[in-house]
PDB file of N, CA and C in Angstrom:
ATOM      1  N   MET A   1     -16.727  19.607  -3.620  1.00  0.00           N
ATOM      2  CA  MET A   1     -15.665  18.983  -4.181  1.00  0.00           C
ATOM      3  C   MET A   1     -14.570  18.210  -3.115  1.00  0.00           C
ATOM      4  N   LEU A   2     -14.405  18.980  -1.874  1.00  0.00           N
ATOM      5  CA  LEU A   2     -13.472  18.621  -1.215  1.00  0.00           C
ATOM      6  C   LEU A   2     -13.986  17.549  -0.477  1.00  0.00           C
ATOM      7  N   TRP A   3     -15.095  17.086  -0.318  1.00  0.00           N
ATOM      8  CA  TRP A   3     -15.181  15.923   0.363  1.00  0.00           C
ATOM      9  C   TRP A   3     -14.965  14.839  -0.705  1.00  0.00           C
ATOM     10  N   ILE A   4     -15.138  14.869  -1.839  1.00  0.00           N
ATOM     11  CA  ILE A   4     -14.486  14.323  -2.967  1.00  0.00           C
ATOM     12  C   ILE A   4     -13.049  13.456  -2.654  1.00  0.00           C
ATOM     13  N   GLY A   5     -12.137  14.732  -2.785  1.00  0.00           N
ATOM     14  CA  GLY A   5     -11.066  14.899  -2.612  1.00  0.00           C
ATOM     15  C   GLY A   5     -10.489  14.126  -1.530  1.00  0.00           C
ATOM     16  N   PHE A   6     -11.251  14.455  -0.057  1.00  0.00           N
ATOM     17  CA  PHE A   6     -10.713  13.367   1.273  1.00  0.00           C
ATOM     18  C   PHE A   6     -11.146  12.307   0.825  1.00  0.00           C
ATOM     19  N   ALA A   7     -12.249  12.070   0.297  1.00  0.00           N
ATOM     20  CA  ALA A   7     -12.753  10.606   0.124  1.00  0.00           C
ATOM     21  C   ALA A   7     -11.997   9.757  -0.574  1.00  0.00           C
ATOM     22  N   ALA A   8     -11.351  10.088  -1.861  1.00  0.00           N
ATOM     23  CA  ALA A   8     -10.383   9.757  -2.409  1.00  0.00           C
ATOM     24  C   ALA A   8      -9.179   9.593  -1.618  1.00  0.00           C
ATOM     25  N   LEU A   9      -8.753  10.332  -1.326  1.00  0.00           N
ATOM     26  CA  LEU A   9      -7.669  10.191  -0.226  1.00  0.00           C
ATOM     27  C   LEU A   9      -7.571   9.034   0.903  1.00  0.00           C
ATOM     28  N   LEU A  10      -8.738   8.785   1.435  1.00  0.00           N
ATOM     29  CA  LEU A  10      -9.212   7.907   2.486  1.00  0.00           C
ATOM     30  C   LEU A  10      -9.022   6.742   1.825  1.00  0.00           C
ATOM     31  N   SER A  11      -9.564   6.474   0.363  1.00  0.00           N
ATOM     32  CA  SER A  11      -9.698   5.404  -0.265  1.00  0.00           C
ATOM     33  C   SER A  11      -8.245   4.792  -0.244  1.00  0.00           C
ATOM     34  N   GLY A  12      -7.356   5.386  -0.268  1.00  0.00           N
ATOM     35  CA  GLY A  12      -6.106   4.914  -0.843  1.00  0.00           C
ATOM     36  C   GLY A  12      -5.560   5.360  -2.161  1.00  0.00           C
ATOM     37  N   CYS A  13      -6.471   5.564  -3.099  1.00  0.00           N
ATOM     38  CA  CYS A  13      -6.373   6.124  -4.692  1.00  0.00           C
ATOM     39  C   CYS A  13      -6.349   7.126  -5.122  1.00  0.00           C
ATOM     40  N   VAL A  14      -5.599   7.953  -5.334  1.00  0.00           N
ATOM     41  CA  VAL A  14      -5.342   9.248  -6.054  1.00  0.00           C
ATOM     42  C   VAL A  14      -4.371   9.476  -7.037  1.00  0.00           C
ATOM     43  N   GLY A  15      -5.295   9.208  -8.101  1.00  0.00           N
ATOM     44  CA  GLY A  15      -4.504   9.444  -9.277  1.00  0.00           C
ATOM     45  C   GLY A  15      -4.216   8.061  -9.774  1.00  0.00           C
ATOM     46  N   THR A  16      -2.750   7.999 -10.148  1.00  0.00           N
ATOM     47  CA  THR A  16      -2.366   6.493 -10.162  1.00  0.00           C
ATOM     48  C   THR A  16      -1.682   5.730  -8.732  1.00  0.00           C
ATOM     49  N   GLN A  17      -1.622   6.564  -7.932  1.00  0.00           N
ATOM     50  CA  GLN A  17      -1.550   5.987  -6.432  1.00  0.00           C
ATOM     51  C   GLN A  17      -2.083   5.112  -5.789  1.00  0.00           C
ATOM     52  N   ARG A  18      -1.587   4.025  -5.314  1.00  0.00           N
ATOM     53  CA  ARG A  18      -2.563   3.075  -4.354  1.00  0.00           C
ATOM     54  C   ARG A  18      -1.830   2.671  -3.170  1.00  0.00           C
ATOM     55  N   GLU A  19      -2.640   2.492  -1.925  1.00  0.00           N
ATOM     56  CA  GLU A  19      -2.042   2.191  -0.709  1.00  0.00           C
ATOM     57  C   GLU A  19      -2.878   0.816  -0.324  1.00  0.00           C
ATOM     58  N   LEU A  20      -1.904  -0.445   0.003  1.00  0.00           N
ATOM     59  CA  LEU A  20      -2.881  -1.378   0.137  1.00  0.00           C
ATOM     60  C   LEU A  20      -2.023  -1.827   1.687  1.00  0.00           C
ATOM     61  N   TRP A  21      -2.422  -2.650   2.366  1.00  0.00           N
ATOM     62  CA  TRP A  21      -2.017  -3.097   3.616  1.00  0.00           C
ATOM     63  C   TRP A  21      -1.615  -4.181   3.710  1.00  0.00           C
ATOM     64  N   VAL A  22      -0.908  -4.845   4.275  1.00  0.00           N
ATOM     65  CA  VAL A  22      -0.001  -6.227   4.086  1.00  0.00           C
ATOM     66  C   VAL A  22       0.163  -6.536   5.585  1.00  0.00           C
ATOM     67  N   HIS A  23      -0.410  -7.659   5.991  1.00  0.00           N
ATOM     68  CA  HIS A  23      -0.870  -7.704   7.439  1.00  0.00           C
ATOM     69  C   HIS A  23       0.558  -8.792   7.597  1.00  0.00           C
ATOM     70  N   ARG A  24       1.051  -8.435   8.527  1.00  0.00           N
ATOM     71  CA  ARG A  24       2.060  -8.988   9.644  1.00  0.00           C
ATOM     72  C   ARG A  24       2.124  -9.877  10.596  1.00  0.00           C
ATOM     73  N   TYR A  25       2.557 -11.146  11.027  1.00  0.00           N
ATOM     74  CA  TYR A  25       2.456 -11.388  12.501  1.00  0.00           C
ATOM     75  C   TYR A  25       3.527 -11.569  13.417  1.00  0.00           C
ATOM     76  N   ALA A  26       4.119 -11.983  14.272  1.00  0.00           N
ATOM     77  CA  ALA A  26       5.266 -12.151  15.110  1.00  0.00           C
ATOM     78  C   ALA A  26       6.139 -11.256  14.803  1.00  0.00           C
ATOM     79  N   PHE A  27       5.848  -9.704  15.188  1.00  0.00           N
ATOM     80  CA  PHE A  27       7.241  -9.227  14.981  1.00  0.00           C
ATOM     81  C   PHE A  27       7.597  -8.895  13.415  1.00  0.00           C
ATOM     82  N   GLY A  28       6.800  -9.215  12.340  1.00  0.00           N
ATOM     83  CA  GLY A  28       6.941  -9.196  10.981  1.00  0.00           C
ATOM     84  C   GLY A  28       7.330 -10.211  10.251  1.00  0.00           C
ATOM     85  N   LEU A  29       7.432 -11.639  11.377  1.00  0.00           N
ATOM     86  CA  LEU A  29       8.347 -12.756  10.886  1.00  0.00           C
ATOM     87  C   LEU A  29       7.060 -13.889   9.688  1.00  0.00           C
ATOM     88  N   PHE A  30       5.621 -13.742  10.134  1.00  0.00           N
ATOM     89  CA  PHE A  30       4.966 -14.658   9.188  1.00  0.00           C
ATOM     90  C   PHE A  30       4.096 -13.549   8.748  1.00  0.00           C
ATOM     91  N   GLY A  31       3.532 -14.280   7.653  1.00  0.00           N
ATOM     92  CA  GLY A  31       2.162 -13.510   7.137  1.00  0.00           C
ATOM     93  C   GLY A  31       2.688 -12.400   5.952  1.00  0.00           C
ATOM     94  N   GLY A  32       2.169 -11.505   5.584  1.00  0.00           N
ATOM     95  CA  GLY A  32       2.404 -10.970   4.448  1.00  0.00           C
ATOM     96  C   GLY A  32       2.053 -10.938   3.201  1.00  0.00           C
ATOM     97  N   GLY A  33       2.777 -11.953   2.460  1.00  0.00           N
ATOM     98  CA  GLY A  33       2.349 -12.549   1.291  1.00  0.00           C
ATOM     99  C   GLY A  33       2.807 -11.216   0.102  1.00  0.00           C
ATOM    100  N   ALA A  34       3.045 -11.817  -1.219  1.00  0.00           N
ATOM    101  CA  ALA A  34       3.285 -10.846  -2.619  1.00  0.00           C
ATOM    102  C   ALA A  34       1.916  -9.778  -2.558  1.00  0.00           C
ATOM    103  N   VAL A  35       2.579  -8.883  -3.342  1.00  0.00           N
ATOM    104  CA  VAL A  35       1.337  -7.769  -3.894  1.00  0.00           C
ATOM    105  C   VAL A  35       1.708  -7.790  -5.451  1.00  0.00           C
ATOM    106  N   ASP A  36       0.714  -8.359  -6.107  1.00  0.00           N
ATOM    107  CA  ASP A  36       1.154  -8.682  -7.587  1.00  0.00           C
ATOM    108  C   ASP A  36       0.288  -7.151  -8.239  1.00  0.00           C
ATOM    109  N   VAL A  37       1.390  -6.370  -8.947  1.00  0.00           N
ATOM    110  CA  VAL A  37       1.170  -5.339  -9.415  1.00  0.00           C
ATOM    111  C   VAL A  37       0.271  -5.178 -10.883  1.00  0.00           C
ATOM    112  N   ARG A  38       0.028  -6.100 -11.118  1.00  0.00           N
ATOM    113  CA  ARG A  38      -0.698  -6.609 -12.046  1.00  0.00           C
ATOM    114  C   ARG A  38      -2.543  -6.227 -11.802  1.00  0.00           C
ATOM    115  N   ASP A  39      -2.320  -6.730 -10.315  1.00  0.00           N
ATOM    116  CA  ASP A  39      -4.051  -6.263  -9.808  1.00  0.00           C
ATOM    117  C   ASP A  39      -4.237  -4.881  -9.515  1.00  0.00           C
ATOM    118  N   VAL A  40      -3.044  -4.557  -9.367  1.00  0.00           N
ATOM    119  CA  VAL A  40      -3.761  -3.201  -8.480  1.00  0.00           C
ATOM    120  C   VAL A  40      -3.280  -2.173  -9.411  1.00  0.00           C
ATOM    121  N   CYS A  41      -2.645  -2.095 -10.475  1.00  0.00           N
ATOM    122  CA  CYS A  41      -2.408  -1.054 -11.621  1.00  0.00           C
ATOM    123  C   CYS A  41      -3.102  -1.705 -12.680  1.00  0.00           C
ATOM    124  N   ALA A  42      -3.926  -0.872 -13.310  1.00  0.00           N
ATOM    125  CA  ALA A  42      -4.555  -1.154 -14.841  1.00  0.00           C
ATOM    126  C   ALA A  42      -3.719  -1.346 -15.888  1.00  0.00           C
ATOM    127  N   SER A  43      -2.219  -0.778 -15.604  1.00  0.00           N
ATOM    128  CA  SER A  43      -1.553  -0.987 -17.142  1.00  0.00           C
ATOM    129  C   SER A  43      -0.737  -2.350 -16.396  1.00  0.00           C
ATOM    130  N   GLY A  44      -0.398  -2.642 -15.403  1.00  0.00           N
ATOM    131  CA  GLY A  44      -0.058  -3.744 -14.997  1.00  0.00           C
ATOM    132  C   GLY A  44       1.573  -3.724 -14.693  1.00  0.00           C
ATOM    133  N   HIS A  45       1.889  -2.247 -14.502  1.00  0.00           N
ATOM    134  CA  HIS A  45       3.333  -1.728 -14.605  1.00  0.00           C
ATOM    135  C   HIS A  45       3.480  -1.014 -13.426  1.00  0.00           C
ATOM    136  N   ALA A  46       4.437  -0.683 -12.130  1.00  0.00           N
ATOM    137  CA  ALA A  46       4.437   0.071 -11.465  1.00  0.00           C
ATOM    138  C   ALA A  46       5.427   0.776 -11.897  1.00  0.00           C
ATOM    139  N   ARG A  47       5.359   2.347 -11.520  1.00  0.00           N
ATOM    140  CA  ARG A  47       6.713   3.261 -11.496  1.00  0.00           C
ATOM    141  C   ARG A  47       7.471   3.220 -10.350  1.00  0.00           C
ATOM    142  N   GLN A  48       6.910   2.618  -9.154  1.00  0.00           N
ATOM    143  CA  GLN A  48       7.667   2.952  -8.034  1.00  0.00           C
ATOM    144  C   GLN A  48       6.649   2.058  -7.162  1.00  0.00           C
ATOM    145  N   LEU A  49       7.405   1.430  -6.155  1.00  0.00           N
ATOM    146  CA  LEU A  49       7.034   0.167  -4.921  1.00  0.00           C
ATOM    147  C   LEU A  49       7.716   0.673  -3.502  1.00  0.00           C
ATOM    148  N   ARG A  50       6.649   1.223  -2.518  1.00  0.00           N
ATOM    149  CA  ARG A  50       7.303   1.599  -1.343  1.00  0.00           C
ATOM    150  C   ARG A  50       6.990   0.670  -0.147  1.00  0.00           C
ATOM    151  N   ILE A  51       7.547   0.237   0.810  1.00  0.00           N
ATOM    152  CA  ILE A  51       6.691  -0.447   1.812  1.00  0.00           C
ATOM    153  C   ILE A  51       7.232   0.157   3.001  1.00  0.00           C
ATOM    154  N   SER A  52       6.265   1.014   4.228  1.00  0.00           N
ATOM    155  CA  SER A  52       6.785   1.613   5.337  1.00  0.00           C
ATOM    156  C   SER A  52       5.273   1.018   6.267  1.00  0.00           C
ATOM    157  N   ARG A  53       5.819   1.843   7.713  1.00  0.00           N
ATOM    158  CA  ARG A  53       4.864   1.533   8.413  1.00  0.00           C
ATOM    159  C   ARG A  53       5.160   2.838   9.155  1.00  0.00           C
ATOM    160  N   ASN A  54       3.677   3.257   9.680  1.00  0.00           N
ATOM    161  CA  ASN A  54       3.397   4.507  10.427  1.00  0.00           C
ATOM    162  C   ASN A  54       3.096   4.280  11.827  1.00  0.00           C
ATOM    163  N   PHE A  55       3.008   5.101  12.414  1.00  0.00           N
ATOM    164  CA  PHE A  55       2.692   5.661  13.986  1.00  0.00           C
ATOM    165  C   PHE A  55       1.658   4.362  14.263  1.00  0.00           C
ATOM    166  N   GLU A  56       0.241   4.925  13.468  1.00  0.00           N
ATOM    167  CA  GLU A  56      -0.486   3.532  13.869  1.00  0.00           C
ATOM    168  C   GLU A  56      -0.284   1.914  13.738  1.00  0.00           C
ATOM    169  N   SER A  57       0.696   1.498  12.874  1.00  0.00           N
ATOM    170  CA  SER A  57       1.312   0.201  12.798  1.00  0.00           C
ATOM    171  C   SER A  57       2.258  -0.328  14.006  1.00  0.00           C
ATOM    172  N   TYR A  58       2.923   0.893  14.472  1.00  0.00           N
ATOM    173  CA  TYR A  58       3.757   0.586  15.609  1.00  0.00           C
ATOM    174  C   TYR A  58       2.927   0.682  17.207  1.00  0.00           C
ATOM    175  N   LEU A  59       1.802   1.656  16.756  1.00  0.00           N
ATOM    176  CA  LEU A  59       0.913   1.113  17.734  1.00  0.00           C
ATOM    177  C   LEU A  59      -0.209   0.066  18.236  1.00  0.00           C
ATOM    178  N   LEU A  60      -0.386  -0.625  16.922  1.00  0.00           N
ATOM    179  CA  LEU A  60      -0.932  -1.676  17.132  1.00  0.00           C
ATOM    180  C   LEU A  60       0.099  -2.707  17.373  1.00  0.00           C
ATOM    181  N   ALA A  61       1.305  -2.719  17.270  1.00  0.00           N
ATOM    182  CA  ALA A  61       2.152  -3.909  17.669  1.00  0.00           C
ATOM    183  C   ALA A  61       2.552  -3.489  18.765  1.00  0.00           C
ATOM    184  N   LEU A  62       2.655  -2.621  19.395  1.00  0.00           N
ATOM    185  CA  LEU A  62       3.001  -2.081  20.644  1.00  0.00           C
ATOM    186  C   LEU A  62       1.632  -2.906  21.787  1.00  0.00           C
ATOM    187  N   VAL A  63       0.415  -2.216  21.335  1.00  0.00           N
ATOM    188  CA  VAL A  63      -0.682  -2.971  22.080  1.00  0.00           C
ATOM    189  C   VAL A  63      -0.821  -4.836  22.095  1.00  0.00           C
ATOM    190  N   THR A  64      -0.374  -4.827  20.919  1.00  0.00           N
ATOM    191  CA  THR A  64      -0.661  -6.251  20.548  1.00  0.00           C
ATOM    192  C   THR A  64       0.540  -7.258  21.166  1.00  0.00           C
ATOM    193  N   LEU A  65       1.582  -6.609  21.700  1.00  0.00           N
ATOM    194  CA  LEU A  65       2.832  -6.885  21.995  1.00  0.00           C
ATOM    195  C   LEU A  65       3.168  -7.764  20.892  1.00  0.00           C
ATOM    196  N   GLY A  66       3.301  -7.524  19.887  1.00  0.00           N
ATOM    197  CA  GLY A  66       4.126  -7.468  18.831  1.00  0.00           C
ATOM    198  C   GLY A  66       3.786  -8.748  17.848  1.00  0.00           C
ATOM    199  N   VAL A  67       2.417  -9.158  18.253  1.00  0.00           N
ATOM    200  CA  VAL A  67       1.639 -10.152  17.540  1.00  0.00           C
ATOM    201  C   VAL A  67       1.355  -9.548  16.202  1.00  0.00           C
ATOM    202  N   TYR A  68       1.106  -8.710  16.065  1.00  0.00           N
ATOM    203  CA  TYR A  68       0.147  -8.072  14.628  1.00  0.00           C
ATOM    204  C   TYR A  68       1.027  -6.698  14.078  1.00  0.00           C
ATOM    205  N   LEU A  69       1.677  -6.519  13.306  1.00  0.00           N
ATOM    206  CA  LEU A  69       2.613  -5.410  12.529  1.00  0.00           C
ATOM    207  C   LEU A  69       2.193  -5.512  11.395  1.00  0.00           C
ATOM    208  N   PRO A  70       1.382  -4.482  11.100  1.00  0.00           N
ATOM    209  CA  PRO A  70       0.960  -4.114   9.588  1.00  0.00           C
ATOM    210  C   PRO A  70       1.848  -3.505   8.853  1.00  0.00           C
ATOM    211  N   HIS A  71       1.874  -3.473   7.653  1.00  0.00           N
ATOM    212  CA  HIS A  71       2.763  -2.722   6.870  1.00  0.00           C
ATOM    213  C   HIS A  71       1.927  -1.966   5.708  1.00  0.00           C
ATOM    214  N   GLN A  72       2.456  -0.898   4.985  1.00  0.00           N
ATOM    215  CA  GLN A  72       1.667  -0.266   4.078  1.00  0.00           C
ATOM    216  C   GLN A  72       2.553  -0.631   2.988  1.00  0.00           C
ATOM    217  N   VAL A  73       1.860  -1.065   1.706  1.00  0.00           N
ATOM    218  CA  VAL A  73       2.463  -0.890   0.511  1.00  0.00           C
ATOM    219  C   VAL A  73       1.703   0.384  -0.272  1.00  0.00           C
ATOM    220  N   HIS A  74       2.974   1.187  -0.935  1.00  0.00           N
ATOM    221  CA  HIS A  74       2.580   2.216  -1.514  1.00  0.00           C
ATOM    222  C   HIS A  74       3.161   2.032  -3.268  1.00  0.00           C
ATOM    223  N   VAL A  75       2.124   2.358  -3.801  1.00  0.00           N
ATOM    224  CA  VAL A  75       2.114   1.700  -5.652  1.00  0.00           C
ATOM    225  C   VAL A  75       2.078   3.143  -6.387  1.00  0.00           C
ATOM    226  N   GLU A  76       3.109   3.134  -7.076  1.00  0.00           N
ATOM    227  CA  GLU A  76       2.693   4.355  -8.211  1.00  0.00           C
ATOM    228  C   GLU A  76       2.473   3.963  -9.511  1.00  0.00           C
ATOM    229  N   CYS A  77       1.516   3.698 -10.055  1.00  0.00           N
ATOM    230  CA  CYS A  77       1.338   2.868 -11.100  1.00  0.00           C
ATOM    231  C   CYS A  77       1.774   4.081 -12.665  1.00  0.00           C
ATOM    232  N   VAL A  78       2.287   3.057 -13.475  1.00  0.00           N
ATOM    233  CA  VAL A  78       2.393   3.671 -14.914  1.00  0.00           C
ATOM    234  C   VAL A  78       0.969   4.112 -15.686  1.00  0.00           C
ATOM    235  N   GLU A  79       0.839   5.115 -16.060  1.00  0.00           N
ATOM    236  CA  GLU A  79      -0.164   5.258 -17.425  1.00  0.00           C
ATOM    237  C   GLU A  79      -0.203   4.216 -18.366  1.00  0.00           C
ATOM    238  N   ARG A  80      -1.653   3.794 -18.915  1.00  0.00           N
ATOM    239  CA  ARG A  80      -1.435   2.864 -20.041  1.00  0.00           C
ATOM    240  C   ARG A  80      -0.814   3.502 -20.996  1.00  0.00           C
ATOM    241  N   GLU A  81      -1.291   4.636 -21.354  1.00  0.00           N
ATOM    242  CA  GLU A  81      -0.581   5.348 -22.664  1.00  0.00           C
ATOM    243  C   GLU A  81       1.017   5.341 -22.919  1.00  0.00           C
ATOM    244  N   GLY A  82       1.827   5.434 -21.332  1.00  0.00           N
ATOM    245  CA  GLY A  82       3.189   5.539 -21.344  1.00  0.00           C
ATOM    246  C   GLY A  82       3.683   4.235 -21.458  1.00  0.00           C
ATOM    247  N   GLY A  83       2.898   3.109 -21.126  1.00  0.00           N
ATOM    248  CA  GLY A  83       4.062   1.752 -21.061  1.00  0.00           C
ATOM    249  C   GLY A  83       4.591   1.758 -20.293  1.00  0.00           C
ATOM    250  N   PRO A  84       5.455   0.637 -19.757  1.00  0.00           N
ATOM    251  CA  PRO A  84       6.335   0.496 -18.732  1.00  0.00           C
ATOM    252  C   PRO A  84       7.668   1.234 -18.541  1.00  0.00           C
ATOM    253  N   PRO A  85       8.078   1.589 -17.749  1.00  0.00           N
ATOM    254  CA  PRO A  85       9.103   2.410 -17.599  1.00  0.00           C
ATOM    255  C   PRO A  85      10.607   1.660 -18.048  1.00  0.00           C
ATOM    256  N   PRO A  86      11.396   2.341 -18.554  1.00  0.00           N
ATOM    257  CA  PRO A  86      12.728   1.759 -19.347  1.00  0.00           C
ATOM    258  C   PRO A  86      13.277   1.008 -18.248  1.00  0.00           C
TER     259      PRO A  86
END
């Protein structure tokens, strides 16, 4: 059971939360693009959307001299039964 939870955590999907990577280039000036919540959440609605960078993102930017700077997008989906938030 522990391995299943660990695998779900690594996949970026735990319950109604998902993590996506957005690829940015030239210190984050180019690339990226839009994240369509309708493609990420089964209900098509998000309760919360957060963009962040972690240690690995900054390390990649340092190693590539700023050419590549990925961002993490954290999406918390709304359940189907509850509908969209007010």
